[in-house]
């Protein structure tokens, strides 16, 4: 802003009686008014800029905030929920599939997939859940960490499943729940009481994807990644007793079919890396060769 003052000469008498003209410019009142105008404009500009910064910062925070889905939940299986119409896949955990069977400590087959589903359904009950979405998977599900909203406080359902042996840590996507899995394994909780096939391996063996149907289910699909808590009873496949994948004293991997000469005398120790198979193709693919007898 340019200040304009109309100056008027004022005569002043000097000692030499020479009339000297000095300018009489803006009065202090007019000058103060002009300064006030500048301050007002500057203040408004600063406030507008500050407000813009707040809006931009708020937008950035909103963009970074995770999507949250809340409400009552319907349990689909051991690691899948439906909340307000949104299909939720629990992040970092993998529960046995609904059609999957496992072996308990006595070697008896039981529906471990349904056990995991029922345990989660009982845990959730009618309580609302709060799910923080991390991403969306290829099946359109919201991959989330879900908490149970209870009077005692929020409880991580993902962690609860792994800690109680109803699911394993899904290492392919997260290592967050591995310590809880180790604790459940040590305490022989849930599926760790006996033998089971890791869910992802079970899906491969049964030609199943997480979002698709089961093509063929077996009573117990013996494992590319089986685990045991003691004793290694022979599981049953759809076509009969499982093939035994033995490792001999020389380190050779040899499999024995039920009709083989040494089948009954061979004992499988899963903890030593030995395995069961449902087909010879599966055994050969895993690196085992057939017994000569």
C-alpha atoms as a PDB file:
ATOM      1  CA  UNK A   1       0.000   0.000   0.000  1.00  0.00           C
ATOM      2  CA  UNK A   2       1.319   3.471  -0.911  1.00  0.00           C
ATOM      3  CA  UNK A   3       0.710   6.253   1.597  1.00  0.00           C
ATOM      4  CA  UNK A   4       0.014   9.645   0.135  1.00  0.00           C
ATOM      5  CA  UNK A   5       0.296  12.776   2.209  1.00  0.00           C
ATOM      6  CA  UNK A   6      -0.432  16.264   1.099  1.00  0.00           C
ATOM      7  CA  UNK A   7       2.312  18.411   2.559  1.00  0.00           C
ATOM      8  CA  UNK A   8       1.783  22.079   3.396  1.00  0.00           C
ATOM      9  CA  UNK A   9       4.666  24.457   4.034  1.00  0.00           C
ATOM     10  CA  UNK A  10       5.075  25.947   7.433  1.00  0.00           C
ATOM     11  CA  UNK A  11       7.220  29.002   7.935  1.00  0.00           C
ATOM     12  CA  UNK A  12       9.692  29.144  10.745  1.00  0.00           C
ATOM     13  CA  UNK A  13      11.661  32.245  11.651  1.00  0.00           C
ATOM     14  CA  UNK A  14      15.320  31.721  12.192  1.00  0.00           C
ATOM     15  CA  UNK A  15      17.775  33.918  14.058  1.00  0.00           C
ATOM     16  CA  UNK A  16      18.846  35.412  10.706  1.00  0.00           C
ATOM     17  CA  UNK A  17      15.217  36.234  10.023  1.00  0.00           C
ATOM     18  CA  UNK A  18      15.213  33.974   6.985  1.00  0.00           C
ATOM     19  CA  UNK A  19      11.885  32.277   6.413  1.00  0.00           C
ATOM     20  CA  UNK A  20      12.450  28.584   6.108  1.00  0.00           C
ATOM     21  CA  UNK A  21       9.697  26.370   4.835  1.00  0.00           C
ATOM     22  CA  UNK A  22       9.375  22.906   6.434  1.00  0.00           C
ATOM     23  CA  UNK A  23       6.849  20.347   5.259  1.00  0.00           C
ATOM     24  CA  UNK A  24       3.914  19.597   7.458  1.00  0.00           C
ATOM     25  CA  UNK A  25       3.001  16.074   6.354  1.00  0.00           C
ATOM     26  CA  UNK A  26       0.464  13.543   7.450  1.00  0.00           C
ATOM     27  CA  UNK A  27      -0.902  13.935  10.860  1.00  0.00           C
ATOM     28  CA  UNK A  28      -0.231  11.175  13.336  1.00  0.00           C
ATOM     29  CA  UNK A  29      -3.905  10.268  13.241  1.00  0.00           C
ATOM     30  CA  UNK A  30      -3.875   9.608   9.495  1.00  0.00           C
ATOM     31  CA  UNK A  31      -0.588   7.714   9.723  1.00  0.00           C
ATOM     32  CA  UNK A  32      -1.854   5.505  12.543  1.00  0.00           C
ATOM     33  CA  UNK A  33      -4.956   4.714  10.496  1.00  0.00           C
ATOM     34  CA  UNK A  34      -2.826   3.624   7.544  1.00  0.00           C
ATOM     35  CA  UNK A  35      -0.682   1.383   9.728  1.00  0.00           C
ATOM     36  CA  UNK A  36      -3.852  -0.204  11.103  1.00  0.00           C
ATOM     37  CA  UNK A  37      -5.017  -0.963   7.573  1.00  0.00           C
ATOM     38  CA  UNK A  38      -1.709  -2.670   6.754  1.00  0.00           C
ATOM     39  CA  UNK A  39      -1.814  -4.689   9.966  1.00  0.00           C
ATOM     40  CA  UNK A  40      -5.385  -5.719   9.269  1.00  0.00           C
ATOM     41  CA  UNK A  41      -4.581  -6.914   5.756  1.00  0.00           C
ATOM     42  CA  UNK A  42      -1.424  -8.694   6.905  1.00  0.00           C
ATOM     43  CA  UNK A  43      -3.285 -10.367   9.744  1.00  0.00           C
ATOM     44  CA  UNK A  44      -6.020 -11.597   7.438  1.00  0.00           C
ATOM     45  CA  UNK A  45      -3.429 -12.982   5.028  1.00  0.00           C
ATOM     46  CA  UNK A  46      -1.594 -14.798   7.817  1.00  0.00           C
ATOM     47  CA  UNK A  47      -4.822 -16.218   9.217  1.00  0.00           C
ATOM     48  CA  UNK A  48      -5.882 -17.431   5.781  1.00  0.00           C
ATOM     49  CA  UNK A  49      -2.523 -19.110   5.269  1.00  0.00           C
ATOM     50  CA  UNK A  50      -2.629 -20.693   8.714  1.00  0.00           C
ATOM     51  CA  UNK A  51      -6.139 -21.984   8.083  1.00  0.00           C
ATOM     52  CA  UNK A  52      -4.999 -23.495   4.773  1.00  0.00           C
ATOM     53  CA  UNK A  53      -2.155 -25.276   6.557  1.00  0.00           C
ATOM     54  CA  UNK A  54      -4.597 -26.722   9.087  1.00  0.00           C
ATOM     55  CA  UNK A  55      -6.887 -27.978   6.311  1.00  0.00           C
ATOM     56  CA  UNK A  56      -3.985 -29.563   4.422  1.00  0.00           C
ATOM     57  CA  UNK A  57      -2.606 -31.180   7.578  1.00  0.00           C
ATOM     58  CA  UNK A  58      -6.032 -32.514   8.500  1.00  0.00           C
ATOM     59  CA  UNK A  59      -6.433 -33.954   5.013  1.00  0.00           C
ATOM     60  CA  UNK A  60      -3.052 -35.670   5.260  1.00  0.00           C
ATOM     61  CA  UNK A  61      -3.922 -37.191   8.636  1.00  0.00           C
ATOM     62  CA  UNK A  62      -7.281 -38.379   7.307  1.00  0.00           C
ATOM     63  CA  UNK A  63      -5.571 -39.948   4.304  1.00  0.00           C
ATOM     64  CA  UNK A  64      -3.080 -41.806   6.525  1.00  0.00           C
ATOM     65  CA  UNK A  65      -5.676 -43.018   9.044  1.00  0.00           C
ATOM     66  CA  UNK A  66      -6.592 -46.705   8.577  1.00  0.00           C
ATOM     67  CA  UNK A  67     -10.074 -47.650   7.480  1.00  0.00           C
ATOM     68  CA  UNK A  68     -12.084 -48.966  10.408  1.00  0.00           C
ATOM     69  CA  UNK A  69     -15.044 -51.340  10.186  1.00  0.00           C
ATOM     70  CA  UNK A  70     -17.141 -51.756  13.330  1.00  0.00           C
ATOM     71  CA  UNK A  71     -20.247 -53.635  14.338  1.00  0.00           C
ATOM     72  CA  UNK A  72     -21.629 -57.076  15.161  1.00  0.00           C
ATOM     73  CA  UNK A  73     -19.772 -59.922  13.480  1.00  0.00           C
ATOM     74  CA  UNK A  74     -20.811 -63.159  11.819  1.00  0.00           C
ATOM     75  CA  UNK A  75     -18.130 -65.856  11.870  1.00  0.00           C
ATOM     76  CA  UNK A  76     -17.608 -67.571   8.502  1.00  0.00           C
ATOM     77  CA  UNK A  77     -14.659 -69.756   9.494  1.00  0.00           C
ATOM     78  CA  UNK A  78     -11.688 -69.703  11.845  1.00  0.00           C
ATOM     79  CA  UNK A  79     -10.133 -66.593  10.294  1.00  0.00           C
ATOM     80  CA  UNK A  80     -12.971 -64.907   8.394  1.00  0.00           C
ATOM     81  CA  UNK A  81     -15.758 -62.608   9.599  1.00  0.00           C
ATOM     82  CA  UNK A  82     -18.528 -60.566   8.056  1.00  0.00           C
ATOM     83  CA  UNK A  83     -19.075 -57.161   9.682  1.00  0.00           C
ATOM     84  CA  UNK A  84     -21.817 -54.874   8.356  1.00  0.00           C
ATOM     85  CA  UNK A  85     -21.694 -56.611   5.000  1.00  0.00           C
ATOM     86  CA  UNK A  86     -17.889 -56.383   4.716  1.00  0.00           C
ATOM     87  CA  UNK A  87     -16.031 -59.673   4.458  1.00  0.00           C
ATOM     88  CA  UNK A  88     -13.028 -59.567   6.808  1.00  0.00           C
ATOM     89  CA  UNK A  89      -9.925 -61.796   6.554  1.00  0.00           C
ATOM     90  CA  UNK A  90      -7.975 -61.714   9.813  1.00  0.00           C
ATOM     91  CA  UNK A  91      -4.451 -60.418   9.230  1.00  0.00           C
ATOM     92  CA  UNK A  92      -1.327 -62.468   9.981  1.00  0.00           C
ATOM     93  CA  UNK A  93      -3.108 -65.674  11.032  1.00  0.00           C
ATOM     94  CA  UNK A  94      -4.214 -68.842   9.241  1.00  0.00           C
ATOM     95  CA  UNK A  95      -6.792 -71.183  10.775  1.00  0.00           C
ATOM     96  CA  UNK A  96      -7.580 -74.729   9.601  1.00  0.00           C
ATOM     97  CA  UNK A  97     -10.143 -74.793   6.802  1.00  0.00           C
ATOM     98  CA  UNK A  98     -13.718 -75.754   7.618  1.00  0.00           C
ATOM     99  CA  UNK A  99     -13.374 -79.121   5.848  1.00  0.00           C
ATOM    100  CA  UNK A 100      -9.965 -79.845   7.351  1.00  0.00           C
ATOM    101  CA  UNK A 101      -9.359 -82.716   9.763  1.00  0.00           C
ATOM    102  CA  UNK A 102      -6.500 -83.026  12.263  1.00  0.00           C
ATOM    103  CA  UNK A 103      -5.303 -85.696  14.693  1.00  0.00           C
ATOM    104  CA  UNK A 104      -5.595 -85.254  18.436  1.00  0.00           C
ATOM    105  CA  UNK A 105      -3.096 -86.471  21.050  1.00  0.00           C
ATOM    106  CA  UNK A 106      -4.538 -90.021  20.828  1.00  0.00           C
ATOM    107  CA  UNK A 107      -4.242 -90.098  17.046  1.00  0.00           C
ATOM    108  CA  UNK A 108      -7.977 -89.769  16.487  1.00  0.00           C
ATOM    109  CA  UNK A 109      -9.229 -87.604  13.642  1.00  0.00           C
ATOM    110  CA  UNK A 110     -11.338 -84.569  14.528  1.00  0.00           C
ATOM    111  CA  UNK A 111     -12.722 -81.582  12.552  1.00  0.00           C
ATOM    112  CA  UNK A 112     -10.140 -79.001  13.610  1.00  0.00           C
ATOM    113  CA  UNK A 113     -11.424 -76.456  11.081  1.00  0.00           C
ATOM    114  CA  UNK A 114     -14.896 -76.487  12.591  1.00  0.00           C
ATOM    115  CA  UNK A 115     -13.418 -76.429  16.100  1.00  0.00           C
ATOM    116  CA  UNK A 116     -11.548 -73.216  15.256  1.00  0.00           C
ATOM    117  CA  UNK A 117     -14.669 -71.688  13.730  1.00  0.00           C
ATOM    118  CA  UNK A 118     -16.816 -72.586  16.742  1.00  0.00           C
ATOM    119  CA  UNK A 119     -14.194 -71.270  19.167  1.00  0.00           C
ATOM    120  CA  UNK A 120     -14.071 -67.909  17.378  1.00  0.00           C
ATOM    121  CA  UNK A 121     -17.876 -67.711  17.197  1.00  0.00           C
ATOM    122  CA  UNK A 122     -18.143 -68.421  20.915  1.00  0.00           C
ATOM    123  CA  UNK A 123     -15.461 -65.842  21.697  1.00  0.00           C
ATOM    124  CA  UNK A 124     -17.150 -63.105  19.670  1.00  0.00           C
ATOM    125  CA  UNK A 125     -20.698 -63.950  20.719  1.00  0.00           C
ATOM    126  CA  UNK A 126     -22.923 -60.903  20.349  1.00  0.00           C
ATOM    127  CA  UNK A 127     -20.175 -58.405  21.166  1.00  0.00           C
ATOM    128  CA  UNK A 128     -19.309 -55.788  18.529  1.00  0.00           C
ATOM    129  CA  UNK A 129     -15.889 -55.906  16.927  1.00  0.00           C
ATOM    130  CA  UNK A 130     -13.589 -53.192  15.628  1.00  0.00           C
ATOM    131  CA  UNK A 131     -11.449 -54.034  12.592  1.00  0.00           C
ATOM    132  CA  UNK A 132      -8.577 -51.877  11.342  1.00  0.00           C
ATOM    133  CA  UNK A 133      -8.118 -52.610   7.653  1.00  0.00           C
ATOM    134  CA  UNK A 134      -4.562 -53.081   6.387  1.00  0.00           C
ATOM    135  CA  UNK A 135      -5.293 -53.919   2.758  1.00  0.00           C
ATOM    136  CA  UNK A 136      -7.657 -55.764   0.434  1.00  0.00           C
ATOM    137  CA  UNK A 137      -6.774 -59.256  -0.782  1.00  0.00           C
ATOM    138  CA  UNK A 138      -7.342 -60.783  -4.219  1.00  0.00           C
ATOM    139  CA  UNK A 139     -10.754 -62.069  -3.147  1.00  0.00           C
ATOM    140  CA  UNK A 140     -11.986 -58.598  -2.207  1.00  0.00           C
ATOM    141  CA  UNK A 141     -11.782 -59.196   1.536  1.00  0.00           C
ATOM    142  CA  UNK A 142     -10.618 -56.513   3.940  1.00  0.00           C
ATOM    143  CA  UNK A 143      -7.475 -57.918   5.576  1.00  0.00           C
ATOM    144  CA  UNK A 144      -7.708 -56.597   9.127  1.00  0.00           C
ATOM    145  CA  UNK A 145      -6.665 -56.750  12.748  1.00  0.00           C
ATOM    146  CA  UNK A 146      -9.909 -57.126  14.683  1.00  0.00           C
ATOM    147  CA  UNK A 147     -10.500 -56.423  18.343  1.00  0.00           C
ATOM    148  CA  UNK A 148     -13.336 -57.534  20.542  1.00  0.00           C
ATOM    149  CA  UNK A 149     -15.011 -54.518  22.122  1.00  0.00           C
ATOM    150  CA  UNK A 150     -15.837 -55.715  25.625  1.00  0.00           C
ATOM    151  CA  UNK A 151     -16.294 -54.122  29.035  1.00  0.00           C
ATOM    152  CA  UNK A 152     -12.890 -55.391  30.099  1.00  0.00           C
ATOM    153  CA  UNK A 153     -11.282 -53.567  27.167  1.00  0.00           C
ATOM    154  CA  UNK A 154     -10.339 -54.355  23.588  1.00  0.00           C
ATOM    155  CA  UNK A 155      -8.847 -57.790  22.874  1.00  0.00           C
ATOM    156  CA  UNK A 156      -6.947 -58.675  19.701  1.00  0.00           C
ATOM    157  CA  UNK A 157      -8.867 -61.579  18.145  1.00  0.00           C
ATOM    158  CA  UNK A 158      -6.032 -62.414  15.755  1.00  0.00           C
ATOM    159  CA  UNK A 159      -3.650 -62.851  18.690  1.00  0.00           C
ATOM    160  CA  UNK A 160      -6.230 -64.792  20.699  1.00  0.00           C
ATOM    161  CA  UNK A 161      -6.658 -67.387  17.937  1.00  0.00           C
ATOM    162  CA  UNK A 162      -2.918 -68.062  17.649  1.00  0.00           C
ATOM    163  CA  UNK A 163      -2.291 -67.960  21.393  1.00  0.00           C
ATOM    164  CA  UNK A 164      -4.927 -70.637  21.993  1.00  0.00           C
ATOM    165  CA  UNK A 165      -3.898 -72.935  19.155  1.00  0.00           C
ATOM    166  CA  UNK A 166      -6.894 -72.282  16.901  1.00  0.00           C
ATOM    167  CA  UNK A 167      -4.703 -70.809  14.150  1.00  0.00           C
ATOM    168  CA  UNK A 168      -1.054 -70.524  13.178  1.00  0.00           C
ATOM    169  CA  UNK A 169       0.952 -67.404  12.420  1.00  0.00           C
ATOM    170  CA  UNK A 170       0.695 -66.718   8.684  1.00  0.00           C
ATOM    171  CA  UNK A 171       4.427 -66.172   8.194  1.00  0.00           C
ATOM    172  CA  UNK A 172       4.050 -65.467   4.498  1.00  0.00           C
ATOM    173  CA  UNK A 173       2.445 -62.148   5.389  1.00  0.00           C
ATOM    174  CA  UNK A 174       3.527 -61.323   8.938  1.00  0.00           C
ATOM    175  CA  UNK A 175       5.861 -62.471  11.719  1.00  0.00           C
ATOM    176  CA  UNK A 176       3.902 -60.546  14.356  1.00  0.00           C
ATOM    177  CA  UNK A 177       2.176 -63.582  15.881  1.00  0.00           C
ATOM    178  CA  UNK A 178       5.082 -66.052  15.710  1.00  0.00           C
ATOM    179  CA  UNK A 179       5.960 -65.693  19.445  1.00  0.00           C
ATOM    180  CA  UNK A 180       2.348 -66.520  20.354  1.00  0.00           C
ATOM    181  CA  UNK A 181       2.439 -69.550  18.082  1.00  0.00           C
ATOM    182  CA  UNK A 182       5.633 -70.745  19.765  1.00  0.00           C
ATOM    183  CA  UNK A 183       3.963 -70.392  23.171  1.00  0.00           C
ATOM    184  CA  UNK A 184       0.874 -72.332  22.029  1.00  0.00           C
ATOM    185  CA  UNK A 185       3.095 -75.061  20.581  1.00  0.00           C
ATOM    186  CA  UNK A 186       5.045 -75.386  23.832  1.00  0.00           C
ATOM    187  CA  UNK A 187       1.821 -75.597  25.840  1.00  0.00           C
ATOM    188  CA  UNK A 188       0.228 -78.096  23.384  1.00  0.00           C
ATOM    189  CA  UNK A 189      -2.833 -75.907  22.939  1.00  0.00           C
ATOM    190  CA  UNK A 190      -5.489 -76.522  20.314  1.00  0.00           C
ATOM    191  CA  UNK A 191      -4.140 -78.058  17.129  1.00  0.00           C
ATOM    192  CA  UNK A 192      -0.719 -78.394  18.790  1.00  0.00           C
ATOM    193  CA  UNK A 193      -2.022 -81.239  20.973  1.00  0.00           C
ATOM    194  CA  UNK A 194      -1.542 -83.699  18.109  1.00  0.00           C
ATOM    195  CA  UNK A 195      -0.806 -83.592  14.383  1.00  0.00           C
ATOM    196  CA  UNK A 196      -2.056 -81.297  11.697  1.00  0.00           C
ATOM    197  CA  UNK A 197      -1.218 -80.017   8.281  1.00  0.00           C
ATOM    198  CA  UNK A 198      -0.453 -76.320   8.006  1.00  0.00           C
ATOM    199  CA  UNK A 199      -3.616 -74.780   6.457  1.00  0.00           C
ATOM    200  CA  UNK A 200      -1.821 -73.328   3.426  1.00  0.00           C
ATOM    201  CA  UNK A 201      -0.343 -76.762   2.662  1.00  0.00           C
ATOM    202  CA  UNK A 202      -3.717 -78.403   3.179  1.00  0.00           C
ATOM    203  CA  UNK A 203      -5.249 -76.049   0.617  1.00  0.00           C
ATOM    204  CA  UNK A 204      -2.559 -76.984  -1.899  1.00  0.00           C
ATOM    205  CA  UNK A 205      -3.040 -80.702  -1.279  1.00  0.00           C
ATOM    206  CA  UNK A 206      -6.793 -80.362  -1.728  1.00  0.00           C
ATOM    207  CA  UNK A 207      -6.622 -77.973  -4.685  1.00  0.00           C
ATOM    208  CA  UNK A 208      -8.298 -75.248  -2.747  1.00  0.00           C
ATOM    209  CA  UNK A 209      -7.805 -71.506  -2.630  1.00  0.00           C
ATOM    210  CA  UNK A 210      -8.884 -69.437   0.336  1.00  0.00           C
ATOM    211  CA  UNK A 211     -11.670 -67.863  -1.640  1.00  0.00           C
ATOM    212  CA  UNK A 212     -12.731 -70.994  -3.515  1.00  0.00           C
ATOM    213  CA  UNK A 213     -14.491 -74.286  -2.836  1.00  0.00           C
ATOM    214  CA  UNK A 214     -12.940 -77.533  -1.685  1.00  0.00           C
ATOM    215  CA  UNK A 215     -12.363 -79.780  -4.681  1.00  0.00           C
ATOM    216  CA  UNK A 216     -11.750 -82.910  -2.628  1.00  0.00           C
ATOM    217  CA  UNK A 217     -11.327 -83.369   1.083  1.00  0.00           C
ATOM    218  CA  UNK A 218      -9.574 -86.193   2.899  1.00  0.00           C
ATOM    219  CA  UNK A 219      -9.963 -87.315   6.477  1.00  0.00           C
ATOM    220  CA  UNK A 220      -6.452 -86.140   7.185  1.00  0.00           C
ATOM    221  CA  UNK A 221      -4.237 -84.780   4.442  1.00  0.00           C
ATOM    222  CA  UNK A 222      -0.737 -85.792   5.417  1.00  0.00           C
ATOM    223  CA  UNK A 223       1.740 -83.251   5.209  1.00  0.00           C
ATOM    224  CA  UNK A 224       4.262 -81.377   3.478  1.00  0.00           C
ATOM    225  CA  UNK A 225       4.478 -79.441   6.708  1.00  0.00           C
ATOM    226  CA  UNK A 226       3.063 -81.630   9.458  1.00  0.00           C
ATOM    227  CA  UNK A 227       3.800 -81.264  13.129  1.00  0.00           C
ATOM    228  CA  UNK A 228       3.420 -83.629  16.034  1.00  0.00           C
ATOM    229  CA  UNK A 229       3.294 -83.404  19.792  1.00  0.00           C
ATOM    230  CA  UNK A 230       4.400 -86.959  20.501  1.00  0.00           C
ATOM    231  CA  UNK A 231       3.731 -90.310  18.868  1.00  0.00           C
ATOM    232  CA  UNK A 232       3.200 -90.492  15.137  1.00  0.00           C
ATOM    233  CA  UNK A 233       0.128 -92.586  14.287  1.00  0.00           C
ATOM    234  CA  UNK A 234      -0.525 -93.290  10.632  1.00  0.00           C
ATOM    235  CA  UNK A 235      -3.215 -90.964   9.286  1.00  0.00           C
ATOM    236  CA  UNK A 236      -5.897 -92.060   6.840  1.00  0.00           C
ATOM    237  CA  UNK A 237      -6.116 -90.629   3.348  1.00  0.00           C
ATOM    238  CA  UNK A 238      -9.133 -90.830   1.070  1.00  0.00           C
ATOM    239  CA  UNK A 239      -7.731 -93.991  -0.524  1.00  0.00           C
ATOM    240  CA  UNK A 240      -6.528 -95.694   2.663  1.00  0.00           C
ATOM    241  CA  UNK A 241      -3.556 -95.510   5.043  1.00  0.00           C
ATOM    242  CA  UNK A 242      -0.970 -92.873   4.250  1.00  0.00           C
ATOM    243  CA  UNK A 243       2.327 -93.556   2.529  1.00  0.00           C
ATOM    244  CA  UNK A 244       5.255 -93.459   4.973  1.00  0.00           C
ATOM    245  CA  UNK A 245       8.127 -91.152   4.068  1.00  0.00           C
ATOM    246  CA  UNK A 246      11.101 -92.550   5.988  1.00  0.00           C
ATOM    247  CA  UNK A 247      14.676 -91.226   6.269  1.00  0.00           C
ATOM    248  CA  UNK A 248      17.176 -94.047   6.809  1.00  0.00           C
ATOM    249  CA  UNK A 249      20.475 -94.022   8.704  1.00  0.00           C
ATOM    250  CA  UNK A 250      22.315 -92.881   5.579  1.00  0.00           C
ATOM    251  CA  UNK A 251      19.993 -89.909   5.156  1.00  0.00           C
ATOM    252  CA  UNK A 252      18.165 -91.388   2.157  1.00  0.00           C
ATOM    253  CA  UNK A 253      14.515 -90.422   1.795  1.00  0.00           C
ATOM    254  CA  UNK A 254      12.543 -93.574   1.032  1.00  0.00           C
ATOM    255  CA  UNK A 255       8.782 -93.946   0.979  1.00  0.00           C
ATOM    256  CA  UNK A 256       6.836 -97.108   1.743  1.00  0.00           C
ATOM    257  CA  UNK A 257       3.369 -97.837   0.375  1.00  0.00           C
ATOM    258  CA  UNK A 258       0.853 -99.831   2.487  1.00  0.00           C
ATOM    259  CA  UNK A 259       1.415-102.936   0.352  1.00  0.00           C
ATOM    260  CA  UNK A 260       5.192-102.742   0.743  1.00  0.00           C
ATOM    261  CA  UNK A 261       7.229-105.353   2.622  1.00  0.00           C
ATOM    262  CA  UNK A 262       8.548-103.000   5.284  1.00  0.00           C
ATOM    263  CA  UNK A 263       5.506-100.759   5.629  1.00  0.00           C
ATOM    264  CA  UNK A 264       4.326-102.149   8.967  1.00  0.00           C
ATOM    265  CA  UNK A 265       7.777-102.070  10.558  1.00  0.00           C
ATOM    266  CA  UNK A 266       8.642 -98.516   9.531  1.00  0.00           C
ATOM    267  CA  UNK A 267       7.952 -95.859  12.167  1.00  0.00           C
ATOM    268  CA  UNK A 268       7.695 -92.228  11.144  1.00  0.00           C
ATOM    269  CA  UNK A 269       9.123 -89.506  13.375  1.00  0.00           C
ATOM    270  CA  UNK A 270       7.820 -86.170  12.137  1.00  0.00           C
ATOM    271  CA  UNK A 271      10.161 -84.267  14.407  1.00  0.00           C
ATOM    272  CA  UNK A 272      13.089 -85.784  12.489  1.00  0.00           C
ATOM    273  CA  UNK A 273      11.808 -84.543   9.149  1.00  0.00           C
ATOM    274  CA  UNK A 274      10.000 -87.711   8.142  1.00  0.00           C
ATOM    275  CA  UNK A 275       6.549 -87.379   6.622  1.00  0.00           C
ATOM    276  CA  UNK A 276       3.339 -88.978   5.477  1.00  0.00           C
ATOM    277  CA  UNK A 277       1.952 -88.684   1.959  1.00  0.00           C
ATOM    278  CA  UNK A 278      -1.369 -89.439   0.315  1.00  0.00           C
ATOM    279  CA  UNK A 279       0.052 -90.176  -3.145  1.00  0.00           C
ATOM    280  CA  UNK A 280       3.315 -91.415  -4.598  1.00  0.00           C
ATOM    281  CA  UNK A 281       3.427 -88.337  -6.808  1.00  0.00           C
ATOM    282  CA  UNK A 282       3.381 -86.156  -3.713  1.00  0.00           C
ATOM    283  CA  UNK A 283       6.191 -88.216  -2.166  1.00  0.00           C
ATOM    284  CA  UNK A 284       8.374 -88.072  -5.278  1.00  0.00           C
ATOM    285  CA  UNK A 285       7.800 -84.345  -5.675  1.00  0.00           C
ATOM    286  CA  UNK A 286       8.968 -83.843  -2.098  1.00  0.00           C
ATOM    287  CA  UNK A 287      12.218 -85.725  -2.812  1.00  0.00           C
ATOM    288  CA  UNK A 288      11.466 -89.269  -1.620  1.00  0.00           C
ATOM    289  CA  UNK A 289      12.117 -92.382  -3.712  1.00  0.00           C
ATOM    290  CA  UNK A 290      10.123 -95.638  -3.565  1.00  0.00           C
ATOM    291  CA  UNK A 291      11.332 -98.563  -1.503  1.00  0.00           C
ATOM    292  CA  UNK A 292      12.800-101.427  -3.518  1.00  0.00           C
ATOM    293  CA  UNK A 293      10.459-103.856  -1.730  1.00  0.00           C
END
